[in-house]
Amino acid sequence: MFTLNPQSGIPIYRQLAEQIRRMVAGGQIKEGDELPSVRELALEHAVNPMTISKAYSLLEVEGLLIRHRGKPMQIARQNKQNNSEQERLQHLHPQLEQLVIAARQLEISDKVLLASLRDMLASE
C-alpha cells in the first residue's frame, strides 16, 4: 500500500504522511477506511513503530485521521470532495520542485527531462 524509501533523504514519517494525504486527495482511500496498525506497518517496512506513530499523529492533528481506542486509525470525513485534478496536482508540487532543481544542477535540458518522464509514465 505504501512505499517507504530510507535512502531518499526525506524522513520516513513525512513520506508516509504525504502518501496518505495524496491517496485521500486522489480517492484511493476514503472516509472510514482503516489504515494498517502502527505495529503492522512498522514490521512490514522494518522501521521503528514510533516513526509510523509520528506520521499517524501528525495526520490526526491535521484532521485527516481519526483514532478510536483499540481500533485501527481511520480516514476522517473530508470537507472537500471530488478534488479537481489541479488541486490534486498541488500534492506533487514539492516533488516536482525537487526534480526541477536536480535537473538544473545536473544540466539536464527540459526536453530530455520531459522525454524521460514520459518514458517512465509509459512504462507504468
N, C-alpha and C. Protein backbone atom coordinates (compact mmCIF):
# COMPACT_ATOMS: atom_id res chain seq x y z
N MET A 1 0.82 -1.20 0.00
CA MET A 1 0.00 0.00 0.00
C MET A 1 0.87 1.26 0.00
N PHE A 2 1.93 1.24 0.82
CA PHE A 2 2.81 2.40 0.91
C PHE A 2 4.23 2.01 0.49
N THR A 3 4.96 2.97 -0.06
CA THR A 3 6.35 2.77 -0.46
C THR A 3 7.21 3.72 0.35
N LEU A 4 8.03 3.17 1.22
CA LEU A 4 8.90 3.99 2.07
C LEU A 4 10.34 3.74 1.68
N ASN A 5 11.08 4.83 1.47
CA ASN A 5 12.46 4.73 1.00
C ASN A 5 13.40 5.44 1.97
N PRO A 6 14.10 4.68 2.83
CA PRO A 6 15.01 5.30 3.80
C PRO A 6 16.16 6.06 3.16
N GLN A 7 16.51 5.73 1.92
CA GLN A 7 17.63 6.40 1.25
C GLN A 7 17.23 7.68 0.54
N SER A 8 15.99 8.07 0.59
CA SER A 8 15.52 9.23 -0.16
C SER A 8 15.97 10.56 0.42
N GLY A 9 16.37 10.56 1.69
CA GLY A 9 16.73 11.83 2.32
C GLY A 9 15.53 12.51 2.96
N ILE A 10 14.34 11.99 2.72
CA ILE A 10 13.12 12.53 3.32
C ILE A 10 12.76 11.62 4.49
N PRO A 11 12.51 12.19 5.68
CA PRO A 11 12.18 11.34 6.82
C PRO A 11 11.00 10.40 6.50
N ILE A 12 11.10 9.19 7.00
CA ILE A 12 10.08 8.15 6.74
C ILE A 12 8.69 8.63 7.15
N TYR A 13 8.57 9.27 8.30
CA TYR A 13 7.25 9.71 8.75
C TYR A 13 6.64 10.71 7.78
N ARG A 14 7.49 11.57 7.19
CA ARG A 14 6.98 12.54 6.21
C ARG A 14 6.58 11.85 4.92
N GLN A 15 7.36 10.83 4.49
CA GLN A 15 7.00 10.07 3.29
C GLN A 15 5.62 9.43 3.48
N LEU A 16 5.42 8.79 4.63
CA LEU A 16 4.16 8.12 4.90
C LEU A 16 3.01 9.11 4.96
N ALA A 17 3.19 10.20 5.69
CA ALA A 17 2.13 11.19 5.82
C ALA A 17 1.74 11.76 4.45
N GLU A 18 2.73 12.06 3.63
CA GLU A 18 2.45 12.63 2.31
C GLU A 18 1.74 11.62 1.42
N GLN A 19 2.14 10.36 1.49
CA GLN A 19 1.47 9.34 0.68
C GLN A 19 0.01 9.19 1.10
N ILE A 20 -0.26 9.23 2.39
CA ILE A 20 -1.64 9.13 2.85
C ILE A 20 -2.44 10.35 2.38
N ARG A 21 -1.85 11.54 2.50
CA ARG A 21 -2.55 12.75 2.01
C ARG A 21 -2.90 12.62 0.53
N ARG A 22 -1.93 12.16 -0.27
CA ARG A 22 -2.17 12.03 -1.72
C ARG A 22 -3.24 10.97 -2.01
N MET A 23 -3.19 9.87 -1.29
CA MET A 23 -4.17 8.80 -1.53
C MET A 23 -5.59 9.25 -1.16
N VAL A 24 -5.71 10.05 -0.13
CA VAL A 24 -7.02 10.61 0.23
C VAL A 24 -7.47 11.60 -0.83
N ALA A 25 -6.57 12.50 -1.23
CA ALA A 25 -6.92 13.51 -2.25
C ALA A 25 -7.27 12.85 -3.57
N GLY A 26 -6.60 11.75 -3.89
CA GLY A 26 -6.85 11.05 -5.15
C GLY A 26 -8.00 10.07 -5.10
N GLY A 27 -8.55 9.86 -3.91
CA GLY A 27 -9.70 8.98 -3.77
C GLY A 27 -9.38 7.50 -3.62
N GLN A 28 -8.09 7.14 -3.50
CA GLN A 28 -7.76 5.72 -3.33
C GLN A 28 -8.18 5.22 -1.95
N ILE A 29 -8.11 6.10 -0.95
CA ILE A 29 -8.64 5.76 0.37
C ILE A 29 -9.65 6.83 0.74
N LYS A 30 -10.74 6.39 1.35
CA LYS A 30 -11.89 7.27 1.58
C LYS A 30 -12.29 7.29 3.05
N GLU A 31 -13.18 8.19 3.36
CA GLU A 31 -13.71 8.32 4.71
C GLU A 31 -14.11 6.95 5.28
N GLY A 32 -13.64 6.68 6.48
CA GLY A 32 -13.98 5.43 7.14
C GLY A 32 -13.03 4.28 6.85
N ASP A 33 -12.22 4.39 5.81
CA ASP A 33 -11.25 3.32 5.52
C ASP A 33 -10.26 3.22 6.68
N GLU A 34 -9.89 2.00 7.02
CA GLU A 34 -8.94 1.77 8.09
C GLU A 34 -7.53 1.65 7.54
N LEU A 35 -6.59 2.20 8.27
CA LEU A 35 -5.17 2.10 7.91
C LEU A 35 -4.55 0.93 8.65
N PRO A 36 -3.46 0.39 8.14
CA PRO A 36 -2.77 -0.68 8.87
C PRO A 36 -2.34 -0.19 10.25
N SER A 37 -2.26 -1.10 11.21
CA SER A 37 -1.83 -0.72 12.56
C SER A 37 -0.38 -0.25 12.52
N VAL A 38 -0.01 0.51 13.54
CA VAL A 38 1.37 1.00 13.66
C VAL A 38 2.33 -0.18 13.65
N ARG A 39 2.03 -1.18 14.45
CA ARG A 39 2.91 -2.36 14.56
C ARG A 39 3.02 -3.08 13.22
N GLU A 40 1.89 -3.29 12.56
CA GLU A 40 1.87 -3.99 11.28
C GLU A 40 2.71 -3.26 10.22
N LEU A 41 2.52 -1.95 10.12
CA LEU A 41 3.25 -1.16 9.13
C LEU A 41 4.75 -1.09 9.46
N ALA A 42 5.06 -0.98 10.75
CA ALA A 42 6.47 -0.94 11.16
C ALA A 42 7.18 -2.25 10.81
N LEU A 43 6.51 -3.37 11.05
CA LEU A 43 7.10 -4.67 10.71
C LEU A 43 7.25 -4.84 9.20
N GLU A 44 6.23 -4.45 8.47
CA GLU A 44 6.25 -4.59 7.01
C GLU A 44 7.41 -3.83 6.37
N HIS A 45 7.70 -2.64 6.92
CA HIS A 45 8.73 -1.78 6.33
C HIS A 45 10.03 -1.75 7.14
N ALA A 46 10.09 -2.57 8.19
CA ALA A 46 11.29 -2.65 9.04
C ALA A 46 11.73 -1.28 9.55
N VAL A 47 10.77 -0.55 10.11
CA VAL A 47 11.07 0.76 10.71
C VAL A 47 10.59 0.77 12.15
N ASN A 48 11.05 1.73 12.90
CA ASN A 48 10.65 1.89 14.29
C ASN A 48 9.16 2.23 14.36
N PRO A 49 8.39 1.56 15.23
CA PRO A 49 6.97 1.88 15.35
C PRO A 49 6.69 3.35 15.66
N MET A 50 7.63 4.00 16.37
CA MET A 50 7.44 5.42 16.70
C MET A 50 7.42 6.28 15.43
N THR A 51 8.10 5.84 14.39
CA THR A 51 8.11 6.56 13.12
C THR A 51 6.71 6.55 12.50
N ILE A 52 6.08 5.38 12.50
CA ILE A 52 4.73 5.26 11.96
C ILE A 52 3.76 6.05 12.83
N SER A 53 3.93 5.91 14.13
CA SER A 53 3.07 6.63 15.08
C SER A 53 3.16 8.14 14.88
N LYS A 54 4.36 8.63 14.61
CA LYS A 54 4.56 10.07 14.39
C LYS A 54 3.79 10.54 13.17
N ALA A 55 3.82 9.76 12.09
CA ALA A 55 3.08 10.12 10.87
C ALA A 55 1.58 10.12 11.15
N TYR A 56 1.10 9.07 11.80
CA TYR A 56 -0.33 8.98 12.10
C TYR A 56 -0.77 10.13 13.01
N SER A 57 0.04 10.44 14.03
CA SER A 57 -0.31 11.54 14.95
C SER A 57 -0.36 12.88 14.23
N LEU A 58 0.59 13.10 13.34
CA LEU A 58 0.61 14.34 12.55
C LEU A 58 -0.68 14.48 11.74
N LEU A 59 -1.09 13.38 11.09
CA LEU A 59 -2.30 13.41 10.27
C LEU A 59 -3.56 13.51 11.13
N GLU A 60 -3.49 13.00 12.34
CA GLU A 60 -4.62 13.14 13.26
C GLU A 60 -4.79 14.60 13.67
N VAL A 61 -3.68 15.26 13.96
CA VAL A 61 -3.73 16.68 14.32
C VAL A 61 -4.27 17.51 13.16
N GLU A 62 -3.92 17.13 11.93
CA GLU A 62 -4.41 17.83 10.74
C GLU A 62 -5.89 17.56 10.49
N GLY A 63 -6.44 16.55 11.17
CA GLY A 63 -7.85 16.21 10.96
C GLY A 63 -8.08 15.21 9.84
N LEU A 64 -7.02 14.63 9.32
CA LEU A 64 -7.15 13.67 8.23
C LEU A 64 -7.47 12.27 8.74
N LEU A 65 -7.00 11.96 9.95
CA LEU A 65 -7.24 10.65 10.55
C LEU A 65 -8.02 10.79 11.86
N ILE A 66 -8.72 9.72 12.21
CA ILE A 66 -9.44 9.63 13.48
C ILE A 66 -8.92 8.41 14.22
N ARG A 67 -8.67 8.60 15.51
CA ARG A 67 -8.20 7.49 16.36
C ARG A 67 -9.37 7.05 17.23
N HIS A 68 -9.65 5.75 17.20
CA HIS A 68 -10.63 5.13 18.08
C HIS A 68 -9.88 4.13 18.94
N ARG A 69 -9.91 4.35 20.22
CA ARG A 69 -9.14 3.49 21.14
C ARG A 69 -9.42 2.01 20.87
N GLY A 70 -8.34 1.26 20.68
CA GLY A 70 -8.45 -0.18 20.46
C GLY A 70 -8.81 -0.58 19.04
N LYS A 71 -8.97 0.39 18.16
CA LYS A 71 -9.32 0.11 16.77
C LYS A 71 -8.28 0.77 15.86
N PRO A 72 -8.23 0.34 14.59
CA PRO A 72 -7.27 0.96 13.65
C PRO A 72 -7.61 2.43 13.38
N MET A 73 -6.60 3.18 12.99
CA MET A 73 -6.81 4.57 12.57
C MET A 73 -7.70 4.55 11.35
N GLN A 74 -8.58 5.53 11.25
CA GLN A 74 -9.49 5.63 10.11
C GLN A 74 -9.35 6.99 9.45
N ILE A 75 -9.69 7.00 8.17
CA ILE A 75 -9.72 8.26 7.43
C ILE A 75 -10.93 9.05 7.90
N ALA A 76 -10.70 10.29 8.26
CA ALA A 76 -11.78 11.16 8.75
C ALA A 76 -12.62 11.69 7.59
N ARG A 77 -13.77 12.21 7.94
CA ARG A 77 -14.64 12.85 6.95
C ARG A 77 -13.90 14.07 6.39
N GLN A 78 -13.92 14.19 5.08
CA GLN A 78 -13.21 15.29 4.42
C GLN A 78 -14.21 16.37 4.01
N ASN A 79 -13.82 17.61 4.25
CA ASN A 79 -14.69 18.73 3.87
C ASN A 79 -14.82 18.85 2.37
N LYS A 80 -13.71 18.66 1.67
CA LYS A 80 -13.71 18.78 0.20
C LYS A 80 -13.90 17.41 -0.41
N GLN A 81 -14.81 17.30 -1.32
CA GLN A 81 -15.00 16.06 -2.06
C GLN A 81 -14.71 16.34 -3.52
N ASN A 82 -14.29 15.31 -4.24
CA ASN A 82 -14.01 15.41 -5.67
C ASN A 82 -13.04 16.55 -5.99
N ASN A 83 -11.87 16.50 -5.37
CA ASN A 83 -10.84 17.49 -5.68
C ASN A 83 -10.56 17.49 -7.17
N SER A 84 -10.41 18.68 -7.73
CA SER A 84 -10.09 18.77 -9.14
C SER A 84 -8.68 18.23 -9.37
N GLU A 85 -8.38 17.92 -10.60
CA GLU A 85 -7.04 17.42 -10.93
C GLU A 85 -5.99 18.45 -10.55
N GLN A 86 -6.31 19.72 -10.74
CA GLN A 86 -5.36 20.79 -10.40
C GLN A 86 -5.10 20.82 -8.89
N GLU A 87 -6.14 20.63 -8.09
CA GLU A 87 -5.96 20.60 -6.64
C GLU A 87 -5.14 19.38 -6.22
N ARG A 88 -5.38 18.24 -6.85
CA ARG A 88 -4.60 17.04 -6.53
C ARG A 88 -3.15 17.20 -6.96
N LEU A 89 -2.94 17.90 -8.06
CA LEU A 89 -1.58 18.14 -8.55
C LEU A 89 -0.74 18.92 -7.54
N GLN A 90 -1.39 19.74 -6.75
CA GLN A 90 -0.67 20.51 -5.73
C GLN A 90 0.07 19.62 -4.74
N HIS A 91 -0.42 18.39 -4.56
CA HIS A 91 0.25 17.45 -3.66
C HIS A 91 1.60 17.01 -4.23
N LEU A 92 1.79 17.14 -5.53
CA LEU A 92 3.06 16.76 -6.15
C LEU A 92 4.04 17.93 -6.27
N HIS A 93 3.58 19.11 -5.97
CA HIS A 93 4.41 20.31 -6.18
C HIS A 93 5.79 20.22 -5.52
N PRO A 94 5.90 19.80 -4.26
CA PRO A 94 7.24 19.72 -3.66
C PRO A 94 8.17 18.76 -4.39
N GLN A 95 7.65 17.61 -4.83
CA GLN A 95 8.48 16.66 -5.55
C GLN A 95 8.87 17.19 -6.92
N LEU A 96 7.95 17.88 -7.57
CA LEU A 96 8.26 18.46 -8.88
C LEU A 96 9.32 19.54 -8.75
N GLU A 97 9.22 20.36 -7.70
CA GLU A 97 10.24 21.38 -7.47
C GLU A 97 11.61 20.75 -7.30
N GLN A 98 11.69 19.68 -6.51
CA GLN A 98 12.96 18.99 -6.29
C GLN A 98 13.50 18.39 -7.58
N LEU A 99 12.61 17.85 -8.40
CA LEU A 99 13.01 17.28 -9.68
C LEU A 99 13.61 18.36 -10.58
N VAL A 100 12.97 19.51 -10.65
CA VAL A 100 13.47 20.60 -11.48
C VAL A 100 14.83 21.09 -10.97
N ILE A 101 14.95 21.24 -9.66
CA ILE A 101 16.23 21.68 -9.09
C ILE A 101 17.34 20.68 -9.42
N ALA A 102 17.06 19.39 -9.24
CA ALA A 102 18.07 18.37 -9.53
C ALA A 102 18.44 18.38 -11.01
N ALA A 103 17.45 18.53 -11.88
CA ALA A 103 17.72 18.55 -13.33
C ALA A 103 18.60 19.75 -13.68
N ARG A 104 18.32 20.90 -13.08
CA ARG A 104 19.14 22.10 -13.34
C ARG A 104 20.57 21.88 -12.87
N GLN A 105 20.73 21.29 -11.68
CA GLN A 105 22.07 21.06 -11.14
C GLN A 105 22.85 20.08 -12.00
N LEU A 106 22.15 19.13 -12.61
CA LEU A 106 22.79 18.15 -13.48
C LEU A 106 22.89 18.63 -14.92
N GLU A 107 22.39 19.83 -15.16
CA GLU A 107 22.38 20.43 -16.50
C GLU A 107 21.67 19.53 -17.51
N ILE A 108 20.51 19.01 -17.09
CA ILE A 108 19.66 18.21 -17.98
C ILE A 108 18.63 19.15 -18.58
N SER A 109 18.53 19.13 -19.90
CA SER A 109 17.60 20.03 -20.58
C SER A 109 16.16 19.65 -20.28
N ASP A 110 15.27 20.63 -20.41
CA ASP A 110 13.84 20.40 -20.21
C ASP A 110 13.35 19.30 -21.16
N LYS A 111 13.83 19.35 -22.38
CA LYS A 111 13.40 18.38 -23.39
C LYS A 111 13.76 16.96 -22.97
N VAL A 112 14.98 16.76 -22.52
CA VAL A 112 15.43 15.44 -22.10
C VAL A 112 14.69 14.99 -20.84
N LEU A 113 14.50 15.90 -19.90
CA LEU A 113 13.80 15.58 -18.66
C LEU A 113 12.36 15.17 -18.95
N LEU A 114 11.67 15.93 -19.79
CA LEU A 114 10.28 15.60 -20.14
C LEU A 114 10.18 14.28 -20.89
N ALA A 115 11.13 14.03 -21.77
CA ALA A 115 11.14 12.76 -22.51
C ALA A 115 11.33 11.59 -21.54
N SER A 116 12.22 11.75 -20.58
CA SER A 116 12.46 10.71 -19.60
C SER A 116 11.21 10.48 -18.74
N LEU A 117 10.56 11.56 -18.35
CA LEU A 117 9.33 11.45 -17.57
C LEU A 117 8.23 10.76 -18.36
N ARG A 118 8.10 11.11 -19.63
CA ARG A 118 7.11 10.44 -20.49
C ARG A 118 7.39 8.95 -20.61
N ASP A 119 8.68 8.59 -20.75
CA ASP A 119 9.07 7.17 -20.83
C ASP A 119 8.69 6.43 -19.55
N MET A 120 8.95 7.08 -18.42
CA MET A 120 8.62 6.46 -17.13
C MET A 120 7.11 6.26 -16.99
N LEU A 121 6.35 7.25 -17.38
CA LEU A 121 4.89 7.16 -17.29
C LEU A 121 4.35 6.08 -18.22
N ALA A 122 4.96 5.95 -19.38
CA ALA A 122 4.51 4.95 -20.36
C ALA A 122 4.82 3.53 -19.90
N SER A 123 5.87 3.36 -19.11
CA SER A 123 6.26 2.02 -18.67
C SER A 123 5.46 1.54 -17.47
N GLU A 124 4.70 2.39 -16.87
CA GLU A 124 3.91 2.01 -15.67
C GLU A 124 2.69 1.25 -16.06
